[in-house]
Amino acid sequence: MTILFGIKNCDTIKKAKTWLTEKQIPFQFHDYRQDGIDQAWLHAAEKHLGWEVMLNKKGTTYRQLPEEDRVALDREKALALLLRQPAMIKRPILFVDNHYYCGFSDKQYNEILANE
């Protein structure tokens, strides 16, 4: 099962969904905001990707955090923030063959999904 995680109104999510649809690769879409995330999913994804990759420091949600939340970030603090504010998770995250991948590009998805 291929699962695409993100937020439906994100432009990169739209590109990834279009790519998967055009390549006729069946996928399920999981919206962080509508469907939520739980600690088990967050820890599984972080194990593959690392919290530094998952945390979107360029996004509005992160930039609007109080200074004390952004100072001295470590794994535990970052995961707590991501659980509380899933919009800070970089997107898309693609789950294929029990592995997580972050980001989207034609080249990346061609490599990941070559055998799907």
PDB file of N, CA and C in Angstrom:
ATOM      1  N   MET A   1       0.847  -1.185   0.000  1.00  0.00           N
ATOM      2  CA  MET A   1       0.000   0.000   0.000  1.00  0.00           C
ATOM      3  C   MET A   1       0.884   1.236   0.000  1.00  0.00           C
ATOM      4  N   THR A   2       0.613   2.138  -0.906  1.00  0.00           N
ATOM      5  CA  THR A   2       1.314   3.412  -0.980  1.00  0.00           C
ATOM      6  C   THR A   2       0.442   4.461  -0.299  1.00  0.00           C
ATOM      7  N   ILE A   3       1.029   5.180   0.653  1.00  0.00           N
ATOM      8  CA  ILE A   3       0.294   6.216   1.382  1.00  0.00           C
ATOM      9  C   ILE A   3       1.059   7.528   1.248  1.00  0.00           C
ATOM     10  N   LEU A   4       0.335   8.564   0.886  1.00  0.00           N
ATOM     11  CA  LEU A   4       0.896   9.899   0.777  1.00  0.00           C
ATOM     12  C   LEU A   4       0.373  10.718   1.955  1.00  0.00           C
ATOM     13  N   PHE A   5       1.293  11.250   2.760  1.00  0.00           N
ATOM     14  CA  PHE A   5       0.926  12.034   3.930  1.00  0.00           C
ATOM     15  C   PHE A   5       1.193  13.508   3.662  1.00  0.00           C
ATOM     16  N   GLY A   6       0.257  14.359   4.067  1.00  0.00           N
ATOM     17  CA  GLY A   6       0.456  15.790   3.906  1.00  0.00           C
ATOM     18  C   GLY A   6      -0.798  16.564   4.226  1.00  0.00           C
ATOM     19  N   ILE A   7      -0.905  17.729   3.613  1.00  0.00           N
ATOM     20  CA  ILE A   7      -2.053  18.618   3.782  1.00  0.00           C
ATOM     21  C   ILE A   7      -2.614  18.902   2.402  1.00  0.00           C
ATOM     22  N   LYS A   8      -3.918  18.737   2.239  1.00  0.00           N
ATOM     23  CA  LYS A   8      -4.522  18.742   0.904  1.00  0.00           C
ATOM     24  C   LYS A   8      -4.312  20.019   0.104  1.00  0.00           C
ATOM     25  N   ASN A   9      -4.189  21.174   0.746  1.00  0.00           N
ATOM     26  CA  ASN A   9      -4.051  22.405  -0.023  1.00  0.00           C
ATOM     27  C   ASN A   9      -2.595  22.789  -0.306  1.00  0.00           C
ATOM     28  N   CYS A  10      -1.655  21.939   0.018  1.00  0.00           N
ATOM     29  CA  CYS A  10      -0.232  22.175  -0.234  1.00  0.00           C
ATOM     30  C   CYS A  10       0.068  21.952  -1.716  1.00  0.00           C
ATOM     31  N   ASP A  11       0.766  22.880  -2.345  1.00  0.00           N
ATOM     32  CA  ASP A  11       1.086  22.768  -3.771  1.00  0.00           C
ATOM     33  C   ASP A  11       1.935  21.537  -4.077  1.00  0.00           C
ATOM     34  N   THR A  12       2.882  21.227  -3.210  1.00  0.00           N
ATOM     35  CA  THR A  12       3.729  20.052  -3.455  1.00  0.00           C
ATOM     36  C   THR A  12       2.928  18.765  -3.333  1.00  0.00           C
ATOM     37  N   ILE A  13       1.975  18.733  -2.424  1.00  0.00           N
ATOM     38  CA  ILE A  13       1.084  17.576  -2.298  1.00  0.00           C
ATOM     39  C   ILE A  13       0.280  17.413  -3.586  1.00  0.00           C
ATOM     40  N   LYS A  14      -0.224  18.504  -4.109  1.00  0.00           N
ATOM     41  CA  LYS A  14      -0.991  18.458  -5.362  1.00  0.00           C
ATOM     42  C   LYS A  14      -0.147  17.890  -6.487  1.00  0.00           C
ATOM     43  N   LYS A  15       1.124  18.296  -6.574  1.00  0.00           N
ATOM     44  CA  LYS A  15       2.028  17.778  -7.612  1.00  0.00           C
ATOM     45  C   LYS A  15       2.257  16.278  -7.427  1.00  0.00           C
ATOM     46  N   ALA A  16       2.478  15.861  -6.181  1.00  0.00           N
ATOM     47  CA  ALA A  16       2.720  14.439  -5.906  1.00  0.00           C
ATOM     48  C   ALA A  16       1.481  13.606  -6.233  1.00  0.00           C
ATOM     49  N   LYS A  17       0.305  14.103  -5.865  1.00  0.00           N
ATOM     50  CA  LYS A  17      -0.941  13.380  -6.166  1.00  0.00           C
ATOM     51  C   LYS A  17      -1.148  13.270  -7.670  1.00  0.00           C
ATOM     52  N   THR A  18      -0.875  14.339  -8.387  1.00  0.00           N
ATOM     53  CA  THR A  18      -0.999  14.326  -9.849  1.00  0.00           C
ATOM     54  C   THR A  18      -0.028  13.319 -10.447  1.00  0.00           C
ATOM     55  N   TRP A  19       1.210  13.318  -9.960  1.00  0.00           N
ATOM     56  CA  TRP A  19       2.216  12.394 -10.473  1.00  0.00           C
ATOM     57  C   TRP A  19       1.775  10.949 -10.271  1.00  0.00           C
ATOM     58  N   LEU A  20       1.343  10.622  -9.056  1.00  0.00           N
ATOM     59  CA  LEU A  20       0.905   9.256  -8.753  1.00  0.00           C
ATOM     60  C   LEU A  20      -0.294   8.859  -9.605  1.00  0.00           C
ATOM     61  N   THR A  21      -1.235   9.766  -9.779  1.00  0.00           N
ATOM     62  CA  THR A  21      -2.430   9.489 -10.573  1.00  0.00           C
ATOM     63  C   THR A  21      -2.063   9.272 -12.038  1.00  0.00           C
ATOM     64  N   GLU A  22      -1.219  10.131 -12.582  1.00  0.00           N
ATOM     65  CA  GLU A  22      -0.813   9.998 -13.989  1.00  0.00           C
ATOM     66  C   GLU A  22      -0.050   8.708 -14.243  1.00  0.00           C
ATOM     67  N   LYS A  23       0.721   8.253 -13.265  1.00  0.00           N
ATOM     68  CA  LYS A  23       1.478   6.994 -13.398  1.00  0.00           C
ATOM     69  C   LYS A  23       0.614   5.787 -13.030  1.00  0.00           C
ATOM     70  N   GLN A  24      -0.646   6.045 -12.695  1.00  0.00           N
ATOM     71  CA  GLN A  24      -1.615   5.007 -12.327  1.00  0.00           C
ATOM     72  C   GLN A  24      -1.119   4.147 -11.161  1.00  0.00           C
ATOM     73  N   ILE A  25      -0.543   4.812 -10.190  1.00  0.00           N
ATOM     74  CA  ILE A  25      -0.085   4.138  -8.980  1.00  0.00           C
ATOM     75  C   ILE A  25      -1.148   4.368  -7.910  1.00  0.00           C
ATOM     76  N   PRO A  26      -1.807   3.306  -7.483  1.00  0.00           N
ATOM     77  CA  PRO A  26      -2.834   3.465  -6.448  1.00  0.00           C
ATOM     78  C   PRO A  26      -2.208   3.946  -5.141  1.00  0.00           C
ATOM     79  N   PHE A  27      -2.869   4.895  -4.503  1.00  0.00           N
ATOM     80  CA  PHE A  27      -2.368   5.413  -3.244  1.00  0.00           C
ATOM     81  C   PHE A  27      -3.532   5.875  -2.384  1.00  0.00           C
ATOM     82  N   GLN A  28      -3.246   5.947  -1.119  1.00  0.00           N
ATOM     83  CA  GLN A  28      -4.188   6.489  -0.154  1.00  0.00           C
ATOM     84  C   GLN A  28      -3.600   7.819   0.307  1.00  0.00           C
ATOM     85  N   PHE A  29      -4.437   8.835   0.469  1.00  0.00           N
ATOM     86  CA  PHE A  29      -3.965  10.124   0.956  1.00  0.00           C
ATOM     87  C   PHE A  29      -4.380  10.288   2.413  1.00  0.00           C
ATOM     88  N   HIS A  30      -3.425  10.657   3.238  1.00  0.00           N
ATOM     89  CA  HIS A  30      -3.671  10.888   4.664  1.00  0.00           C
ATOM     90  C   HIS A  30      -3.366  12.350   4.958  1.00  0.00           C
ATOM     91  N   ASP A  31      -4.403  13.106   5.289  1.00  0.00           N
ATOM     92  CA  ASP A  31      -4.266  14.526   5.574  1.00  0.00           C
ATOM     93  C   ASP A  31      -3.958  14.712   7.059  1.00  0.00           C
ATOM     94  N   TYR A  32      -2.797  15.324   7.342  1.00  0.00           N
ATOM     95  CA  TYR A  32      -2.403  15.554   8.739  1.00  0.00           C
ATOM     96  C   TYR A  32      -3.484  16.287   9.519  1.00  0.00           C
ATOM     97  N   ARG A  33      -4.076  17.292   8.892  1.00  0.00           N
ATOM     98  CA  ARG A  33      -5.057  18.114   9.610  1.00  0.00           C
ATOM     99  C   ARG A  33      -6.389  17.402   9.796  1.00  0.00           C
ATOM    100  N   GLN A  34      -6.892  16.778   8.745  1.00  0.00           N
ATOM    101  CA  GLN A  34      -8.201  16.118   8.829  1.00  0.00           C
ATOM    102  C   GLN A  34      -8.131  14.775   9.531  1.00  0.00           C
ATOM    103  N   ASP A  35      -7.134  13.975   9.176  1.00  0.00           N
ATOM    104  CA  ASP A  35      -7.039  12.616   9.704  1.00  0.00           C
ATOM    105  C   ASP A  35      -6.195  12.537  10.973  1.00  0.00           C
ATOM    106  N   GLY A  36      -5.387  13.562  11.206  1.00  0.00           N
ATOM    107  CA  GLY A  36      -4.533  13.588  12.384  1.00  0.00           C
ATOM    108  C   GLY A  36      -3.341  12.658  12.260  1.00  0.00           C
ATOM    109  N   ILE A  37      -2.480  12.738  13.239  1.00  0.00           N
ATOM    110  CA  ILE A  37      -1.353  11.807  13.353  1.00  0.00           C
ATOM    111  C   ILE A  37      -1.278  11.383  14.811  1.00  0.00           C
ATOM    112  N   ASP A  38      -0.651  10.255  15.033  1.00  0.00           N
ATOM    113  CA  ASP A  38      -0.473   9.810  16.404  1.00  0.00           C
ATOM    114  C   ASP A  38       1.012   9.587  16.679  1.00  0.00           C
ATOM    115  N   GLN A  39       1.318   9.366  17.916  1.00  0.00           N
ATOM    116  CA  GLN A  39       2.703   9.218  18.336  1.00  0.00           C
ATOM    117  C   GLN A  39       3.376   8.019  17.671  1.00  0.00           C
ATOM    118  N   ALA A  40       2.654   6.929  17.492  1.00  0.00           N
ATOM    119  CA  ALA A  40       3.234   5.733  16.868  1.00  0.00           C
ATOM    120  C   ALA A  40       3.678   6.026  15.434  1.00  0.00           C
ATOM    121  N   TRP A  41       2.811   6.698  14.657  1.00  0.00           N
ATOM    122  CA  TRP A  41       3.177   7.052  13.278  1.00  0.00           C
ATOM    123  C   TRP A  41       4.371   8.000  13.264  1.00  0.00           C
ATOM    124  N   LEU A  42       4.328   8.992  14.131  1.00  0.00           N
ATOM    125  CA  LEU A  42       5.396   9.987  14.178  1.00  0.00           C
ATOM    126  C   LEU A  42       6.737   9.327  14.489  1.00  0.00           C
ATOM    127  N   HIS A  43       6.761   8.416  15.444  1.00  0.00           N
ATOM    128  CA  HIS A  43       8.009   7.727  15.804  1.00  0.00           C
ATOM    129  C   HIS A  43       8.485   6.808  14.677  1.00  0.00           C
ATOM    130  N   ALA A  44       7.562   6.132  14.009  1.00  0.00           N
ATOM    131  CA  ALA A  44       7.944   5.259  12.889  1.00  0.00           C
ATOM    132  C   ALA A  44       8.549   6.067  11.749  1.00  0.00           C
ATOM    133  N   ALA A  45       7.909   7.171  11.391  1.00  0.00           N
ATOM    134  CA  ALA A  45       8.424   8.017  10.307  1.00  0.00           C
ATOM    135  C   ALA A  45       9.767   8.631  10.706  1.00  0.00           C
ATOM    136  N   GLU A  46       9.865   9.087  11.940  1.00  0.00           N
ATOM    137  CA  GLU A  46      11.101   9.711  12.409  1.00  0.00           C
ATOM    138  C   GLU A  46      12.256   8.716  12.426  1.00  0.00           C
ATOM    139  N   LYS A  47      11.962   7.474  12.710  1.00  0.00           N
ATOM    140  CA  LYS A  47      13.003   6.432  12.716  1.00  0.00           C
ATOM    141  C   LYS A  47      13.651   6.316  11.336  1.00  0.00           C
ATOM    142  N   HIS A  48      12.858   6.449  10.276  1.00  0.00           N
ATOM    143  CA  HIS A  48      13.368   6.365   8.900  1.00  0.00           C
ATOM    144  C   HIS A  48      13.986   7.677   8.417  1.00  0.00           C
ATOM    145  N   LEU A  49      13.367   8.795   8.797  1.00  0.00           N
ATOM    146  CA  LEU A  49      13.739  10.077   8.213  1.00  0.00           C
ATOM    147  C   LEU A  49      14.616  10.954   9.105  1.00  0.00           C
ATOM    148  N   GLY A  50      14.426  10.843  10.403  1.00  0.00           N
ATOM    149  CA  GLY A  50      15.091  11.745  11.342  1.00  0.00           C
ATOM    150  C   GLY A  50      14.244  12.982  11.567  1.00  0.00           C
ATOM    151  N   TRP A  51      14.226  13.462  12.785  1.00  0.00           N
ATOM    152  CA  TRP A  51      13.374  14.611  13.109  1.00  0.00           C
ATOM    153  C   TRP A  51      13.829  15.870  12.389  1.00  0.00           C
ATOM    154  N   GLU A  52      15.140  15.991  12.127  1.00  0.00           N
ATOM    155  CA  GLU A  52      15.644  17.175  11.449  1.00  0.00           C
ATOM    156  C   GLU A  52      15.088  17.293  10.038  1.00  0.00           C
ATOM    157  N   VAL A  53      14.901  16.158   9.366  1.00  0.00           N
ATOM    158  CA  VAL A  53      14.335  16.146   8.017  1.00  0.00           C
ATOM    159  C   VAL A  53      12.841  16.441   8.067  1.00  0.00           C
ATOM    160  N   MET A  54      12.171  15.915   9.062  1.00  0.00           N
ATOM    161  CA  MET A  54      10.717  16.054   9.142  1.00  0.00           C
ATOM    162  C   MET A  54      10.256  17.447   9.550  1.00  0.00           C
ATOM    163  N   LEU A  55      11.059  18.170  10.298  1.00  0.00           N
ATOM    164  CA  LEU A  55      10.654  19.473  10.817  1.00  0.00           C
ATOM    165  C   LEU A  55      10.837  20.556   9.757  1.00  0.00           C
ATOM    166  N   ASN A  56       9.739  21.171   9.360  1.00  0.00           N
ATOM    167  CA  ASN A  56       9.756  22.225   8.350  1.00  0.00           C
ATOM    168  C   ASN A  56       9.967  23.577   9.026  1.00  0.00           C
ATOM    169  N   LYS A  57      11.217  24.020   9.067  1.00  0.00           N
ATOM    170  CA  LYS A  57      11.545  25.282   9.724  1.00  0.00           C
ATOM    171  C   LYS A  57      11.220  26.492   8.851  1.00  0.00           C
ATOM    172  N   LYS A  58      10.929  26.264   7.583  1.00  0.00           N
ATOM    173  CA  LYS A  58      10.626  27.376   6.672  1.00  0.00           C
ATOM    174  C   LYS A  58       9.150  27.762   6.687  1.00  0.00           C
ATOM    175  N   GLY A  59       8.316  26.920   7.233  1.00  0.00           N
ATOM    176  CA  GLY A  59       6.878  27.140   7.211  1.00  0.00           C
ATOM    177  C   GLY A  59       6.412  28.187   8.209  1.00  0.00           C
ATOM    178  N   THR A  60       5.245  28.722   7.950  1.00  0.00           N
ATOM    179  CA  THR A  60       4.637  29.745   8.791  1.00  0.00           C
ATOM    180  C   THR A  60       4.410  29.244  10.211  1.00  0.00           C
ATOM    181  N   THR A  61       3.928  28.012  10.348  1.00  0.00           N
ATOM    182  CA  THR A  61       3.615  27.475  11.678  1.00  0.00           C
ATOM    183  C   THR A  61       4.855  27.485  12.565  1.00  0.00           C
ATOM    184  N   TYR A  62       5.987  27.033  12.029  1.00  0.00           N
ATOM    185  CA  TYR A  62       7.227  27.019  12.810  1.00  0.00           C
ATOM    186  C   TYR A  62       7.677  28.437  13.145  1.00  0.00           C
ATOM    187  N   ARG A  63       7.651  29.314  12.158  1.00  0.00           N
ATOM    188  CA  ARG A  63       8.127  30.691  12.364  1.00  0.00           C
ATOM    189  C   ARG A  63       7.280  31.451  13.381  1.00  0.00           C
ATOM    190  N   GLN A  64       6.022  31.031  13.549  1.00  0.00           N
ATOM    191  CA  GLN A  64       5.143  31.697  14.503  1.00  0.00           C
ATOM    192  C   GLN A  64       5.218  31.115  15.918  1.00  0.00           C
ATOM    193  N   LEU A  65       6.016  30.078  16.091  1.00  0.00           N
ATOM    194  CA  LEU A  65       6.177  29.500  17.427  1.00  0.00           C
ATOM    195  C   LEU A  65       6.859  30.507  18.354  1.00  0.00           C
ATOM    196  N   PRO A  66       6.534  30.447  19.633  1.00  0.00           N
ATOM    197  CA  PRO A  66       7.267  31.283  20.587  1.00  0.00           C
ATOM    198  C   PRO A  66       8.752  30.911  20.572  1.00  0.00           C
ATOM    199  N   GLU A  67       9.574  31.873  20.841  1.00  0.00           N
ATOM    200  CA  GLU A  67      11.032  31.665  20.823  1.00  0.00           C
ATOM    201  C   GLU A  67      11.458  30.479  21.690  1.00  0.00           C
ATOM    202  N   GLU A  68      10.833  30.322  22.855  1.00  0.00           N
ATOM    203  CA  GLU A  68      11.236  29.229  23.757  1.00  0.00           C
ATOM    204  C   GLU A  68      10.993  27.846  23.146  1.00  0.00           C
ATOM    205  N   ASP A  69      10.041  27.733  22.223  1.00  0.00           N
ATOM    206  CA  ASP A  69       9.812  26.456  21.547  1.00  0.00           C
ATOM    207  C   ASP A  69      10.860  26.176  20.469  1.00  0.00           C
ATOM    208  N   ARG A  70      11.451  27.230  19.922  1.00  0.00           N
ATOM    209  CA  ARG A  70      12.425  27.064  18.838  1.00  0.00           C
ATOM    210  C   ARG A  70      13.865  26.947  19.343  1.00  0.00           C
ATOM    211  N   VAL A  71      14.095  27.317  20.584  1.00  0.00           N
ATOM    212  CA  VAL A  71      15.443  27.302  21.154  1.00  0.00           C
ATOM    213  C   VAL A  71      15.772  25.905  21.669  1.00  0.00           C
ATOM    214  N   ALA A  72      17.007  25.493  21.459  1.00  0.00           N
ATOM    215  CA  ALA A  72      17.527  24.217  21.981  1.00  0.00           C
ATOM    216  C   ALA A  72      16.662  23.030  21.571  1.00  0.00           C
ATOM    217  N   LEU A  73      16.321  22.989  20.291  1.00  0.00           N
ATOM    218  CA  LEU A  73      15.525  21.864  19.798  1.00  0.00           C
ATOM    219  C   LEU A  73      16.341  20.581  19.834  1.00  0.00           C
ATOM    220  N   ASP A  74      15.716  19.545  20.331  1.00  0.00           N
ATOM    221  CA  ASP A  74      16.291  18.206  20.274  1.00  0.00           C
ATOM    222  C   ASP A  74      15.180  17.269  19.793  1.00  0.00           C
ATOM    223  N   ARG A  75      15.488  16.004  19.696  1.00  0.00           N
ATOM    224  CA  ARG A  75      14.522  15.035  19.171  1.00  0.00           C
ATOM    225  C   ARG A  75      13.220  15.058  19.961  1.00  0.00           C
ATOM    226  N   GLU A  76      13.317  14.954  21.270  1.00  0.00           N
ATOM    227  CA  GLU A  76      12.122  14.875  22.112  1.00  0.00           C
ATOM    228  C   GLU A  76      11.250  16.129  21.973  1.00  0.00           C
ATOM    229  N   LYS A  77      11.867  17.271  22.016  1.00  0.00           N
ATOM    230  CA  LYS A  77      11.138  18.532  21.908  1.00  0.00           C
ATOM    231  C   LYS A  77      10.521  18.682  20.511  1.00  0.00           C
ATOM    232  N   ALA A  78      11.281  18.325  19.480  1.00  0.00           N
ATOM    233  CA  ALA A  78      10.778  18.433  18.103  1.00  0.00           C
ATOM    234  C   ALA A  78       9.592  17.502  17.872  1.00  0.00           C
ATOM    235  N   LEU A  79       9.671  16.270  18.347  1.00  0.00           N
ATOM    236  CA  LEU A  79       8.564  15.334  18.151  1.00  0.00           C
ATOM    237  C   LEU A  79       7.305  15.792  18.880  1.00  0.00           C
ATOM    238  N   ALA A  80       7.476  16.372  20.059  1.00  0.00           N
ATOM    239  CA  ALA A  80       6.322  16.905  20.797  1.00  0.00           C
ATOM    240  C   ALA A  80       5.680  18.051  20.005  1.00  0.00           C
ATOM    241  N   LEU A  81       6.502  18.910  19.414  1.00  0.00           N
ATOM    242  CA  LEU A  81       5.982  20.010  18.592  1.00  0.00           C
ATOM    243  C   LEU A  81       5.257  19.484  17.349  1.00  0.00           C
ATOM    244  N   LEU A  82       5.848  18.485  16.694  1.00  0.00           N
ATOM    245  CA  LEU A  82       5.239  17.922  15.482  1.00  0.00           C
ATOM    246  C   LEU A  82       3.907  17.249  15.790  1.00  0.00           C
ATOM    247  N   LEU A  83       3.833  16.593  16.921  1.00  0.00           N
ATOM    248  CA  LEU A  83       2.591  15.942  17.324  1.00  0.00           C
ATOM    249  C   LEU A  83       1.505  16.994  17.597  1.00  0.00           C
ATOM    250  N   ARG A  84       1.903  18.072  18.218  1.00  0.00           N
ATOM    251  CA  ARG A  84       0.969  19.143  18.559  1.00  0.00           C
ATOM    252  C   ARG A  84       0.606  20.011  17.348  1.00  0.00           C
ATOM    253  N   GLN A  85       1.545  20.170  16.425  1.00  0.00           N
ATOM    254  CA  GLN A  85       1.360  21.032  15.252  1.00  0.00           C
ATOM    255  C   GLN A  85       1.778  20.280  13.982  1.00  0.00           C
ATOM    256  N   PRO A  86       0.957  19.349  13.491  1.00  0.00           N
ATOM    257  CA  PRO A  86       1.361  18.534  12.333  1.00  0.00           C
ATOM    258  C   PRO A  86       1.632  19.340  11.068  1.00  0.00           C
ATOM    259  N   ALA A  87       1.167  20.580  10.998  1.00  0.00           N
ATOM    260  CA  ALA A  87       1.454  21.413   9.821  1.00  0.00           C
ATOM    261  C   ALA A  87       2.953  21.706   9.705  1.00  0.00           C
ATOM    262  N   MET A  88       3.710  21.468  10.772  1.00  0.00           N
ATOM    263  CA  MET A  88       5.161  21.684  10.731  1.00  0.00           C
ATOM    264  C   MET A  88       5.914  20.502  10.130  1.00  0.00           C
ATOM    265  N   ILE A  89       5.215  19.430   9.815  1.00  0.00           N
ATOM    266  CA  ILE A  89       5.876  18.268   9.220  1.00  0.00           C
ATOM    267  C   ILE A  89       6.079  18.554   7.735  1.00  0.00           C
ATOM    268  N   LYS A  90       7.323  18.374   7.271  1.00  0.00           N
ATOM    269  CA  LYS A  90       7.600  18.569   5.850  1.00  0.00           C
ATOM    270  C   LYS A  90       6.726  17.622   5.052  1.00  0.00           C
ATOM    271  N   ARG A  91       6.416  18.052   3.860  1.00  0.00           N
ATOM    272  CA  ARG A  91       5.540  17.240   3.026  1.00  0.00           C
ATOM    273  C   ARG A  91       5.965  17.308   1.577  1.00  0.00           C
ATOM    274  N   PRO A  92       5.575  16.297   0.867  1.00  0.00           N
ATOM    275  CA  PRO A  92       4.878  15.103   1.326  1.00  0.00           C
ATOM    276  C   PRO A  92       5.822  14.103   1.982  1.00  0.00           C
ATOM    277  N   ILE A  93       5.214  13.216   2.748  1.00  0.00           N
ATOM    278  CA  ILE A  93       5.904  12.019   3.200  1.00  0.00           C
ATOM    279  C   ILE A  93       5.201  10.862   2.504  1.00  0.00           C
ATOM    280  N   LEU A  94       5.992  10.040   1.850  1.00  0.00           N
ATOM    281  CA  LEU A  94       5.472   8.899   1.103  1.00  0.00           C
ATOM    282  C   LEU A  94       5.870   7.627   1.831  1.00  0.00           C
ATOM    283  N   PHE A  95       4.911   6.742   2.023  1.00  0.00           N
ATOM    284  CA  PHE A  95       5.158   5.452   2.665  1.00  0.00           C
ATOM    285  C   PHE A  95       4.956   4.363   1.625  1.00  0.00           C
ATOM    286  N   VAL A  96       6.041   3.652   1.318  1.00  0.00           N
ATOM    287  CA  VAL A  96       6.013   2.580   0.313  1.00  0.00           C
ATOM    288  C   VAL A  96       6.908   1.447   0.795  1.00  0.00           C
ATOM    289  N   ASP A  97       6.425   0.217   0.707  1.00  0.00           N
ATOM    290  CA  ASP A  97       7.225  -0.961   1.065  1.00  0.00           C
ATOM    291  C   ASP A  97       7.887  -0.818   2.443  1.00  0.00           C
ATOM    292  N   ASN A  98       7.105  -0.356   3.410  1.00  0.00           N
ATOM    293  CA  ASN A  98       7.574  -0.206   4.789  1.00  0.00           C
ATOM    294  C   ASN A  98       8.716   0.794   4.966  1.00  0.00           C
ATOM    295  N   HIS A  99       8.826   1.747   4.049  1.00  0.00           N
ATOM    296  CA  HIS A  99       9.826   2.813   4.157  1.00  0.00           C
ATOM    297  C   HIS A  99       9.145   4.160   3.977  1.00  0.00           C
ATOM    298  N   TYR A 100       9.703   5.159   4.621  1.00  0.00           N
ATOM    299  CA  TYR A 100       9.210   6.525   4.517  1.00  0.00           C
ATOM    300  C   TYR A 100      10.198   7.354   3.699  1.00  0.00           C
ATOM    301  N   TYR A 101       9.659   8.241   2.870  1.00  0.00           N
ATOM    302  CA  TYR A 101      10.452   9.144   2.058  1.00  0.00           C
ATOM    303  C   TYR A 101       9.860  10.540   2.196  1.00  0.00           C
ATOM    304  N   CYS A 102      10.719  11.544   2.217  1.00  0.00           N
ATOM    305  CA  CYS A 102      10.253  12.914   2.397  1.00  0.00           C
ATOM    306  C   CYS A 102      10.576  13.742   1.160  1.00  0.00           C
ATOM    307  N   GLY A 103       9.609  14.554   0.745  1.00  0.00           N
ATOM    308  CA  GLY A 103       9.804  15.440  -0.396  1.00  0.00           C
ATOM    309  C   GLY A 103       9.199  14.875  -1.659  1.00  0.00           C
ATOM    310  N   PHE A 104       9.278  15.664  -2.713  1.00  0.00           N
ATOM    311  CA  PHE A 104       8.775  15.220  -4.005  1.00  0.00           C
ATOM    312  C   PHE A 104       9.605  15.803  -5.131  1.00  0.00           C
ATOM    313  N   SER A 105       9.977  14.934  -6.058  1.00  0.00           N
ATOM    314  CA  SER A 105      10.505  15.321  -7.366  1.00  0.00           C
ATOM    315  C   SER A 105      10.219  14.148  -8.298  1.00  0.00           C
ATOM    316  N   ASP A 106      10.129  14.443  -9.587  1.00  0.00           N
ATOM    317  CA  ASP A 106       9.902  13.375 -10.565  1.00  0.00           C
ATOM    318  C   ASP A 106      10.973  12.297 -10.424  1.00  0.00           C
ATOM    319  N   LYS A 107      12.232  12.715 -10.353  1.00  0.00           N
ATOM    320  CA  LYS A 107      13.341  11.768 -10.267  1.00  0.00           C
ATOM    321  C   LYS A 107      13.219  10.890  -9.024  1.00  0.00           C
ATOM    322  N   GLN A 108      12.959  11.528  -7.876  1.00  0.00           N
ATOM    323  CA  GLN A 108      12.843  10.794  -6.619  1.00  0.00           C
ATOM    324  C   GLN A 108      11.722   9.755  -6.697  1.00  0.00           C
ATOM    325  N   TYR A 109      10.552  10.152  -7.164  1.00  0.00           N
ATOM    326  CA  TYR A 109       9.417   9.224  -7.222  1.00  0.00           C
ATOM    327  C   TYR A 109       9.634   8.134  -8.267  1.00  0.00           C
ATOM    328  N   ASN A 110      10.284   8.456  -9.366  1.00  0.00           N
ATOM    329  CA  ASN A 110      10.619   7.419 -10.356  1.00  0.00           C
ATOM    330  C   ASN A 110      11.509   6.356  -9.736  1.00  0.00           C
ATOM    331  N   GLU A 111      12.489   6.778  -8.944  1.00  0.00           N
ATOM    332  CA  GLU A 111      13.396   5.825  -8.299  1.00  0.00           C
ATOM    333  C   GLU A 111      12.684   4.999  -7.245  1.00  0.00           C
ATOM    334  N   ILE A 112      11.876   5.646  -6.421  1.00  0.00           N
ATOM    335  CA  ILE A 112      11.181   4.952  -5.338  1.00  0.00           C
ATOM    336  C   ILE A 112      10.161   3.971  -5.878  1.00  0.00           C
ATOM    337  N   LEU A 113       9.416   4.388  -6.885  1.00  0.00           N
ATOM    338  CA  LEU A 113       8.259   3.625  -7.356  1.00  0.00           C
ATOM    339  C   LEU A 113       8.496   2.901  -8.674  1.00  0.00           C
ATOM    340  N   ALA A 114       9.745   2.672  -9.029  1.00  0.00           N
ATOM    341  CA  ALA A 114      10.074   2.032 -10.301  1.00  0.00           C
ATOM    342  C   ALA A 114       9.431   0.665 -10.463  1.00  0.00           C
ATOM    343  N   ASN A 115       9.258  -0.046  -9.375  1.00  0.00           N
ATOM    344  CA  ASN A 115       8.722  -1.408  -9.460  1.00  0.00           C
ATOM    345  C   ASN A 115       7.272  -1.538  -9.052  1.00  0.00           C
ATOM    346  N   GLU A 116       6.618  -0.427  -8.802  1.00  0.00           N
ATOM    347  CA  GLU A 116       5.206  -0.481  -8.360  1.00  0.00           C
ATOM    348  C   GLU A 116       4.290  -0.751  -9.514  1.00  0.00           C
TER     349      GLU A 116
END
